[in-house]
């Protein structure tokens, strides 16, 4: 009898965990959807077809945002900054330049906004040093 009670308690805990997890996932998805497209308000009477259509539209919006060159790799960043690619890479490796970037497995990723900000804050005489 104690094995059956233990199994029953385990099933109940699993069911409650599933419900709580589903709730938090739905809230997270709702926040993501709202941050991507705050003008689209979900309605309580939306059918499955409408929800699928909204998800499709959100995917399009996300793809569009990603395709607007919000980030670039080493060659793109070097071209954008007017620097030779190998020169930029060498400066980064030696720590002689404070450009904001992310390095993942030897691949450099630069965000265009961060590069623009870096360029705005860079003094004219400093820029000539890097060229």
Foldseek 3Di string as FASTA:
>chain_A
DVVVVVVVVVVVVVVVVVVVVVVVVVVVVVVVLCVLPVVDDDDPPDDPVNVVVSVVVSVVSVVVVVVVCQKDWQVVLCVVLVHDSVLVVVCVVVVVDDQDWDADPNIIMHGPVSNVVVVVPDDPVVSVVSD
